[in-house]
Amino acid sequence: MLLASAIPDKACHFRCHDLRHTYAIRALQQGASIYDVSQQLGQSSVKTTEIYVAWLSHRIR
């Protein structure tokens, strides 16, 4: 209860899975290999990691 009152309303929508997305995007932005990021996230296919690359490409436009 104390924790809930200390967190702003917008933060209530935070999910632990969001940390994975943030890590992947930041790592790719800093030049990490898509293969390395895929492996670090424990994904079985690089195709899953390509979603982050597509998202970055869309944001750059």
C-alpha atoms as a PDB file:
ATOM      1  CA  MET A   1       0.000   0.000   0.000  1.00  0.00           C
ATOM      2  CA  LEU A   2       2.801   2.399   0.833  1.00  0.00           C
ATOM      3  CA  LEU A   3       4.516   1.599  -2.461  1.00  0.00           C
ATOM      4  CA  ALA A   4       1.336   2.243  -4.453  1.00  0.00           C
ATOM      5  CA  SER A   5       0.999   5.711  -2.957  1.00  0.00           C
ATOM      6  CA  ALA A   6       4.628   6.537  -3.775  1.00  0.00           C
ATOM      7  CA  ILE A   7       4.303   5.711  -7.474  1.00  0.00           C
ATOM      8  CA  PRO A   8       2.626   8.199  -9.823  1.00  0.00           C
ATOM      9  CA  ASP A   9      -0.409   6.980 -11.786  1.00  0.00           C
ATOM     10  CA  LYS A  10       1.524   6.759 -15.063  1.00  0.00           C
ATOM     11  CA  ALA A  11       4.015   4.353 -13.497  1.00  0.00           C
ATOM     12  CA  CYS A  12       1.211   1.936 -12.616  1.00  0.00           C
ATOM     13  CA  HIS A  13       1.186   0.869 -16.252  1.00  0.00           C
ATOM     14  CA  PHE A  14       4.805  -0.276 -16.012  1.00  0.00           C
ATOM     15  CA  ARG A  15       5.438  -3.963 -16.579  1.00  0.00           C
ATOM     16  CA  CYS A  16       8.647  -5.855 -15.895  1.00  0.00           C
ATOM     17  CA  HIS A  17       8.568  -6.916 -19.538  1.00  0.00           C
ATOM     18  CA  ASP A  18       9.047  -3.234 -20.419  1.00  0.00           C
ATOM     19  CA  LEU A  19      12.604  -3.550 -19.097  1.00  0.00           C
ATOM     20  CA  ARG A  20      13.349  -6.113 -21.823  1.00  0.00           C
ATOM     21  CA  HIS A  21      12.084  -3.746 -24.495  1.00  0.00           C
ATOM     22  CA  THR A  22      14.059  -0.832 -23.064  1.00  0.00           C
ATOM     23  CA  TYR A  23      17.228  -2.909 -22.836  1.00  0.00           C
ATOM     24  CA  ALA A  24      16.910  -4.208 -26.397  1.00  0.00           C
ATOM     25  CA  ILE A  25      16.216  -0.807 -27.911  1.00  0.00           C
ATOM     26  CA  ARG A  26      19.002   0.949 -26.019  1.00  0.00           C
ATOM     27  CA  ALA A  27      21.510  -1.793 -26.786  1.00  0.00           C
ATOM     28  CA  LEU A  28      20.673  -1.618 -30.493  1.00  0.00           C
ATOM     29  CA  GLN A  29      20.827   2.187 -30.454  1.00  0.00           C
ATOM     30  CA  GLN A  30      24.331   1.977 -29.029  1.00  0.00           C
ATOM     31  CA  GLY A  31      25.460  -0.340 -31.794  1.00  0.00           C
ATOM     32  CA  ALA A  32      25.078  -3.800 -30.273  1.00  0.00           C
ATOM     33  CA  SER A  33      24.740  -6.643 -32.727  1.00  0.00           C
ATOM     34  CA  ILE A  34      21.201  -7.874 -33.278  1.00  0.00           C
ATOM     35  CA  TYR A  35      22.513 -11.410 -32.754  1.00  0.00           C
ATOM     36  CA  ASP A  36      24.053 -10.497 -29.391  1.00  0.00           C
ATOM     37  CA  VAL A  37      20.882  -8.775 -28.202  1.00  0.00           C
ATOM     38  CA  SER A  38      18.781 -11.726 -29.326  1.00  0.00           C
ATOM     39  CA  GLN A  39      20.997 -14.108 -27.402  1.00  0.00           C
ATOM     40  CA  GLN A  40      21.051 -11.919 -24.284  1.00  0.00           C
ATOM     41  CA  LEU A  41      17.258 -11.768 -24.280  1.00  0.00           C
ATOM     42  CA  GLY A  42      17.123 -15.541 -24.612  1.00  0.00           C
ATOM     43  CA  GLN A  43      15.127 -15.457 -27.813  1.00  0.00           C
ATOM     44  CA  SER A  44      15.118 -18.561 -29.959  1.00  0.00           C
ATOM     45  CA  SER A  45      15.057 -16.598 -33.198  1.00  0.00           C
ATOM     46  CA  VAL A  46      16.646 -13.370 -34.394  1.00  0.00           C
ATOM     47  CA  LYS A  47      13.361 -12.665 -36.181  1.00  0.00           C
ATOM     48  CA  THR A  48      11.837 -11.817 -32.807  1.00  0.00           C
ATOM     49  CA  THR A  49      14.578  -9.268 -32.174  1.00  0.00           C
ATOM     50  CA  GLU A  50      14.004  -7.736 -35.615  1.00  0.00           C
ATOM     51  CA  ILE A  51      10.828  -6.214 -34.173  1.00  0.00           C
ATOM     52  CA  TYR A  52      13.024  -3.807 -32.208  1.00  0.00           C
ATOM     53  CA  VAL A  53      15.027  -2.901 -35.318  1.00  0.00           C
ATOM     54  CA  ALA A  54      11.790  -2.186 -37.187  1.00  0.00           C
ATOM     55  CA  TRP A  55      10.603  -0.021 -34.306  1.00  0.00           C
ATOM     56  CA  LEU A  56      13.878   1.927 -34.327  1.00  0.00           C
ATOM     57  CA  SER A  57      13.698   2.407 -38.082  1.00  0.00           C
ATOM     58  CA  HIS A  58      10.165   3.735 -37.764  1.00  0.00           C
ATOM     59  CA  ARG A  59      11.173   6.171 -34.976  1.00  0.00           C
ATOM     60  CA  ILE A  60      14.078   7.558 -37.031  1.00  0.00           C
ATOM     61  CA  ARG A  61      11.824   8.518 -39.947  1.00  0.00           C
END
